Protein backbone atom coordinates (compact mmCIF):
# COMPACT_ATOMS: atom_id res chain seq x y z
CA MET A 1 27.92 -63.04 -2.32
CA THR A 2 27.45 -59.69 -3.97
CA LYS A 3 25.14 -57.14 -2.50
CA SER A 4 24.03 -54.25 -4.60
CA ILE A 5 23.74 -50.93 -2.87
CA SER A 6 21.19 -48.50 -4.13
CA SER A 7 22.28 -44.93 -4.01
CA ASP A 8 19.28 -43.44 -5.73
CA ARG A 9 18.45 -40.01 -4.60
CA SER A 10 15.24 -38.16 -5.32
CA PRO A 11 15.61 -35.13 -7.56
CA ILE A 12 15.92 -31.64 -6.18
CA ARG A 13 12.64 -29.86 -6.25
CA PHE A 14 12.10 -26.18 -6.28
CA GLY A 15 8.91 -24.64 -5.08
CA TYR A 16 7.16 -22.06 -2.94
CA ARG A 17 6.06 -22.62 0.64
CA VAL A 18 2.72 -20.97 0.83
CA ASN A 19 1.49 -19.84 4.21
CA LEU A 20 -2.26 -20.16 5.03
CA VAL A 21 -2.20 -16.82 6.88
CA GLY A 22 -0.70 -15.20 3.83
CA LEU A 23 -3.35 -16.73 1.54
CA SER A 24 -6.14 -15.57 3.83
CA ALA A 25 -4.70 -12.03 3.82
CA LEU A 26 -4.42 -12.08 0.08
CA GLY A 27 -8.04 -13.14 -0.17
CA VAL A 28 -9.15 -10.16 1.94
CA ILE A 29 -7.05 -7.79 -0.13
CA LEU A 30 -8.47 -9.23 -3.41
CA LEU A 31 -12.01 -8.94 -2.04
CA TRP A 32 -11.54 -5.22 -1.28
CA GLY A 33 -9.99 -4.80 -4.73
CA VAL A 34 -13.00 -6.40 -6.45
CA ILE A 35 -15.38 -4.27 -4.35
CA ALA A 36 -13.44 -1.09 -5.28
CA LEU A 37 -13.67 -1.96 -9.00
CA PHE A 38 -17.36 -2.88 -9.08
CA ALA A 39 -18.70 -0.69 -6.22
CA PRO A 40 -21.19 1.25 -8.33
CA GLN A 41 -22.79 -2.06 -9.39
CA LEU A 42 -22.73 -3.55 -5.92
CA ILE A 43 -24.22 -0.79 -3.76
CA PRO A 44 -27.95 -1.29 -2.97
CA HIS A 45 -28.57 2.50 -2.48
CA SER A 46 -27.11 5.70 -3.77
CA VAL A 47 -24.46 7.09 -1.38
CA GLY A 48 -26.37 10.33 -0.90
CA GLU A 49 -29.83 8.83 -0.59
CA ILE A 50 -31.61 9.07 2.79
CA VAL A 51 -33.13 5.67 3.31
CA ASP A 52 -33.85 5.68 7.07
CA THR A 53 -35.91 8.11 9.12
CA ASP A 54 -33.76 7.38 12.16
CA TYR A 55 -30.15 8.46 12.42
CA PHE A 56 -27.48 5.89 13.54
CA GLY A 57 -30.05 3.20 12.87
CA PRO A 58 -29.32 -0.44 13.79
CA MET A 59 -28.52 -3.26 11.44
CA SER A 60 -31.49 -4.76 9.65
CA LYS A 61 -32.38 -6.84 6.64
CA GLU A 62 -32.72 -3.73 4.49
CA LEU A 63 -29.71 -1.86 6.01
CA TRP A 64 -27.03 -4.49 6.69
CA PHE A 65 -24.68 -2.11 8.42
CA GLY A 66 -27.30 0.32 9.75
CA SER A 67 -27.63 3.95 8.79
CA ASP A 68 -25.38 6.97 9.34
CA TYR A 69 -25.96 10.36 11.05
CA LEU A 70 -28.23 11.42 8.23
CA GLY A 71 -30.05 8.17 7.69
CA ARG A 72 -28.02 6.99 4.64
CA ASP A 73 -27.05 3.39 4.06
CA ILE A 74 -23.61 2.94 5.58
CA PHE A 75 -23.04 -0.33 3.75
CA SER A 76 -23.31 1.42 0.40
CA ARG A 77 -21.06 4.21 1.58
CA ILE A 78 -18.37 1.74 2.78
CA LEU A 79 -18.40 -0.03 -0.55
CA MET A 80 -17.98 3.21 -2.45
CA GLY A 81 -15.44 4.40 0.09
CA ALA A 82 -13.31 1.38 -0.79
CA ARG A 83 -12.94 2.81 -4.29
CA TYR A 84 -11.54 6.11 -2.97
CA THR A 85 -9.40 4.64 -0.19
CA LEU A 86 -7.79 1.95 -2.35
CA GLY A 87 -7.66 4.08 -5.53
CA ILE A 88 -6.01 7.11 -3.96
CA SER A 89 -3.60 5.01 -1.88
CA LEU A 90 -2.60 2.71 -4.70
CA ALA A 91 -2.01 5.70 -7.10
CA ALA A 92 0.03 7.55 -4.41
CA VAL A 93 2.19 4.54 -3.46
CA SER A 94 2.82 3.74 -7.14
CA ILE A 95 4.05 7.26 -7.84
CA ALA A 96 6.07 7.43 -4.63
CA CYS A 97 7.79 4.07 -5.03
CA PHE A 98 8.45 4.41 -8.76
CA SER A 99 9.95 7.87 -8.35
CA GLY A 100 11.85 7.06 -5.16
CA VAL A 101 13.28 3.77 -6.47
CA ALA A 102 14.28 5.27 -9.81
CA LEU A 103 16.01 8.18 -8.13
CA GLY A 104 17.65 5.91 -5.56
CA MET A 105 19.11 3.56 -8.18
CA THR A 106 20.30 6.52 -10.27
CA ALA A 107 21.99 8.18 -7.31
CA ALA A 108 23.73 4.93 -6.25
CA VAL A 109 25.09 4.15 -9.73
CA ALA A 110 25.97 7.75 -10.76
CA GLY A 111 27.37 8.84 -7.40
CA GLY A 112 29.15 12.15 -7.10
CA TRP A 113 27.35 15.46 -6.97
CA LEU A 114 24.05 13.96 -8.19
CA ASP A 115 23.99 11.57 -5.28
CA THR A 116 24.88 14.27 -2.79
CA MET A 117 22.24 16.74 -4.07
CA LEU A 118 19.41 14.23 -4.21
CA SER A 119 20.21 12.80 -0.79
CA ARG A 120 20.39 16.18 0.96
CA PHE A 121 17.22 17.52 -0.71
CA LEU A 122 15.15 14.40 0.05
CA ASP A 123 16.59 14.21 3.60
CA ALA A 124 15.36 17.80 4.17
CA LEU A 125 11.92 16.88 2.75
CA ASN A 126 11.83 13.77 4.93
CA SER A 127 12.46 15.82 8.05
CA ILE A 128 9.08 17.52 7.77
CA PRO A 129 6.43 15.60 9.76
CA SER A 130 4.16 13.83 7.28
CA LYS A 131 0.83 14.77 8.87
CA LEU A 132 1.92 18.39 9.17
CA PHE A 133 3.08 18.51 5.55
CA GLY A 134 -0.17 16.92 4.37
CA LEU A 135 -2.30 19.30 6.43
CA VAL A 136 -0.46 22.34 5.07
CA VAL A 137 -0.46 21.34 1.41
CA VAL A 138 -4.04 20.02 1.29
CA ALA A 139 -5.35 22.97 3.20
CA ALA A 140 -3.52 25.32 0.80
CA VAL A 141 -4.38 23.76 -2.58
CA GLY A 142 -7.64 22.06 -1.71
CA SER A 143 -8.65 18.46 -1.02
CA SER A 144 -9.29 17.32 -4.67
CA ILE A 145 -8.33 13.77 -5.49
CA PRO A 146 -5.26 14.80 -7.65
CA ALA A 147 -4.03 17.03 -4.79
CA LEU A 148 -4.40 14.17 -2.27
CA ILE A 149 -2.55 11.72 -4.53
CA GLY A 150 0.22 14.20 -5.24
CA THR A 151 0.63 15.18 -1.52
CA LEU A 152 0.73 11.55 -0.32
CA ALA A 153 3.21 10.63 -3.05
CA VAL A 154 5.61 13.49 -2.21
CA ILE A 155 5.51 12.58 1.50
CA TYR A 156 6.71 8.98 0.85
CA ILE A 157 9.19 9.56 -2.01
CA PRO A 158 12.12 10.30 0.39
CA GLY A 159 11.64 7.01 2.26
CA ALA A 160 11.44 4.96 -0.93
CA TYR A 161 14.50 6.77 -2.20
CA ARG A 162 16.58 6.04 0.91
CA PHE A 163 15.58 2.40 0.94
CA ALA A 164 16.28 1.78 -2.78
CA ARG A 165 19.61 3.74 -2.62
CA ALA A 166 20.83 1.64 0.36
CA LEU A 167 20.05 -1.56 -1.50
CA SER A 168 21.54 -0.25 -4.80
CA VAL A 169 24.78 0.86 -3.13
CA ASN A 170 25.38 -2.72 -1.92
CA VAL A 171 24.68 -4.17 -5.37
CA ASN A 172 26.81 -1.51 -7.07
CA THR A 173 29.94 -2.93 -5.38
CA MET A 174 29.45 -6.44 -6.82
CA ASP A 175 31.80 -7.95 -9.35
CA PHE A 176 29.16 -8.20 -12.10
CA MET A 177 28.74 -4.40 -11.92
CA VAL A 178 32.50 -3.98 -12.48
CA VAL A 179 32.37 -6.28 -15.43
CA ALA A 180 29.34 -4.44 -16.91
CA ARG A 181 31.19 -1.11 -16.63
CA ILE A 182 34.31 -2.64 -18.28
CA ARG A 183 32.07 -3.72 -21.14
CA GLY A 184 31.09 -0.10 -21.50
CA GLU A 185 27.44 -0.42 -20.54
CA GLY A 186 25.53 2.85 -19.93
CA LEU A 187 23.71 4.11 -16.90
CA ALA A 188 20.31 2.97 -18.15
CA TYR A 189 21.49 -0.58 -18.76
CA LEU A 190 23.15 -0.82 -15.34
CA ILE A 191 20.01 0.37 -13.60
CA ALA A 192 17.48 -1.72 -15.55
CA SER A 193 19.40 -4.95 -16.09
CA GLU A 194 21.84 -5.18 -13.18
CA ILE A 195 20.49 -3.17 -10.18
CA LEU A 196 16.68 -3.50 -10.42
CA PRO A 197 16.45 -7.37 -10.69
CA ASN A 198 18.59 -7.69 -7.59
CA ILE A 199 16.53 -5.35 -5.39
CA LEU A 200 13.05 -6.06 -6.73
CA GLY A 201 11.97 -8.40 -3.92
CA PRO A 202 12.71 -5.99 -1.05
CA VAL A 203 11.28 -3.07 -3.05
CA LEU A 204 7.97 -4.82 -3.46
CA ALA A 205 7.78 -5.61 0.24
CA ASP A 206 8.58 -1.96 0.96
CA LEU A 207 5.84 -0.91 -1.45
CA GLY A 208 3.35 -2.95 0.56
CA LEU A 209 4.38 -1.31 3.81
CA ARG A 210 4.17 2.17 2.32
CA PHE A 211 0.72 1.38 0.97
CA VAL A 212 -0.39 0.69 4.56
CA PHE A 213 1.23 3.96 5.74
CA ILE A 214 -0.56 5.91 3.03
CA VAL A 215 -3.93 4.28 3.82
CA LEU A 216 -3.49 5.33 7.46
CA LEU A 217 -2.41 8.87 6.55
CA LEU A 218 -5.19 9.30 4.12
CA SER A 219 -7.64 8.13 6.74
CA GLY A 220 -6.09 10.56 9.23
CA LEU A 221 -6.41 13.51 6.80
CA SER A 222 -10.03 12.54 6.01
CA PHE A 223 -10.74 12.35 9.74
CA LEU A 224 -9.66 15.95 9.97
CA GLY A 225 -11.95 16.89 7.10
CA LEU A 226 -9.24 17.20 4.39
CA GLY A 227 -9.96 14.02 2.46
CA VAL A 228 -12.60 13.16 -0.16
CA GLN A 229 -15.41 15.68 0.05
CA PRO A 230 -19.15 14.98 0.50
CA PRO A 231 -21.37 13.37 -0.61
CA TYR A 232 -18.58 10.86 -1.34
CA ALA A 233 -16.23 9.71 1.35
CA ASP A 234 -13.36 7.40 2.00
CA TRP A 235 -13.26 5.23 5.11
CA GLY A 236 -11.50 7.83 7.28
CA ALA A 237 -14.16 10.44 6.38
CA LEU A 238 -16.93 7.92 7.29
CA VAL A 239 -15.40 7.47 10.73
CA ARG A 240 -15.15 11.26 11.24
CA GLU A 241 -18.69 12.07 10.14
CA ASN A 242 -20.21 9.36 12.27
CA ILE A 243 -18.05 9.84 15.36
CA GLY A 244 -21.06 11.12 17.19
CA GLY A 245 -22.48 7.64 17.21
CA LEU A 246 -19.56 6.21 19.19
CA PRO A 247 -21.27 6.53 22.63
CA PHE A 248 -24.14 4.47 21.23
CA ALA A 249 -21.86 1.84 19.62
CA ALA A 250 -23.49 2.76 16.29
CA PRO A 251 -22.60 0.39 13.37
CA ALA A 252 -21.96 3.52 11.23
CA VAL A 253 -18.76 4.27 13.13
CA ILE A 254 -17.67 0.69 13.81
CA PHE A 255 -17.78 -0.83 10.37
CA PRO A 256 -15.68 1.88 8.58
CA SER A 257 -13.04 1.41 11.33
CA LEU A 258 -13.15 -2.39 10.81
CA ALA A 259 -12.72 -1.83 7.05
CA ILE A 260 -9.55 0.20 7.59
CA ALA A 261 -8.23 -2.40 10.01
CA SER A 262 -9.02 -5.36 7.79
CA LEU A 263 -7.16 -3.81 4.82
CA THR A 264 -4.11 -2.66 6.73
CA ILE A 265 -3.72 -5.79 8.83
CA SER A 266 -4.17 -8.01 5.73
CA VAL A 267 -1.45 -6.13 3.83
CA ASN A 268 0.92 -6.53 6.80
CA LEU A 269 0.16 -10.20 7.18
CA LEU A 270 0.68 -10.74 3.47
CA ILE A 271 4.08 -9.07 3.57
CA ASP A 272 5.06 -11.09 6.65
CA ASN A 273 4.05 -14.34 5.00
CA LEU A 274 5.24 -13.86 1.43
CA PRO A 275 5.98 -17.18 -0.34
CA THR A 276 9.58 -18.21 0.25
CA ARG A 277 11.62 -19.92 -2.43
CA ILE A 278 12.79 -23.19 -0.92
CA ARG A 279 15.03 -26.06 -1.94
CA ASP A 280 13.91 -29.52 -0.90
CA ARG A 281 16.26 -32.40 -0.92
CA SER A 282 15.67 -35.87 0.43
CA VAL A 283 18.02 -37.31 2.99
CA GLU A 284 19.72 -40.64 2.53
């Protein structure tokens, strides 16, 4: 009697394991992004309009988040503050990471005196405390939006450089890099086609972390009065100007703090729960 044995095996499947926490965090980030883009159309009152005769007013049907220390609608000011907090932070982290990663890859591939000079200069810059550097520069040149973006970017370029250089040095020792050099490929090709694709994932995760750091630093500078200037304000400035309502548990000081927390925590959770490439195979 012949018995046939089936050895069929289900095909290998490739996919992404998506975490519910990561999706929830992404939803919060996208919500703030949409609010930042369409804030002028979403706000029920002008950010400088006094709509309440009482300062630090409670939440109501007309004023969802209450009023601030001057009687202005804090809900409208938080929505407009999202535009400044996200816009300035995103611009600064983009400049910092693009510049730092480009310099780090160049230093790792070129080596020699260029690597030494860049590393020593950026190490010296990195040794200056970030808040002290921000205070000095913004106090000296003013707290305009371009000045804030430039200052925040310069503060975080050294960290992005060191991170990208460390990754690039490891990739630079691989066999495919030796083969590319033997073929006579130039510096630009090595960086764009060999180094960058192999470090892109960690670099994007690092970008998210630096975005959080910049949001917190911007909020700290604004709390000290060196951020976006009145009548407009980012979230840190909203906390500072309404700090007098803290003993009364005023919504005007609570909700801007919650906005900062929701954004920074969501970015951290998204980074911790990024989709992971998995390989599923059935077992016999």
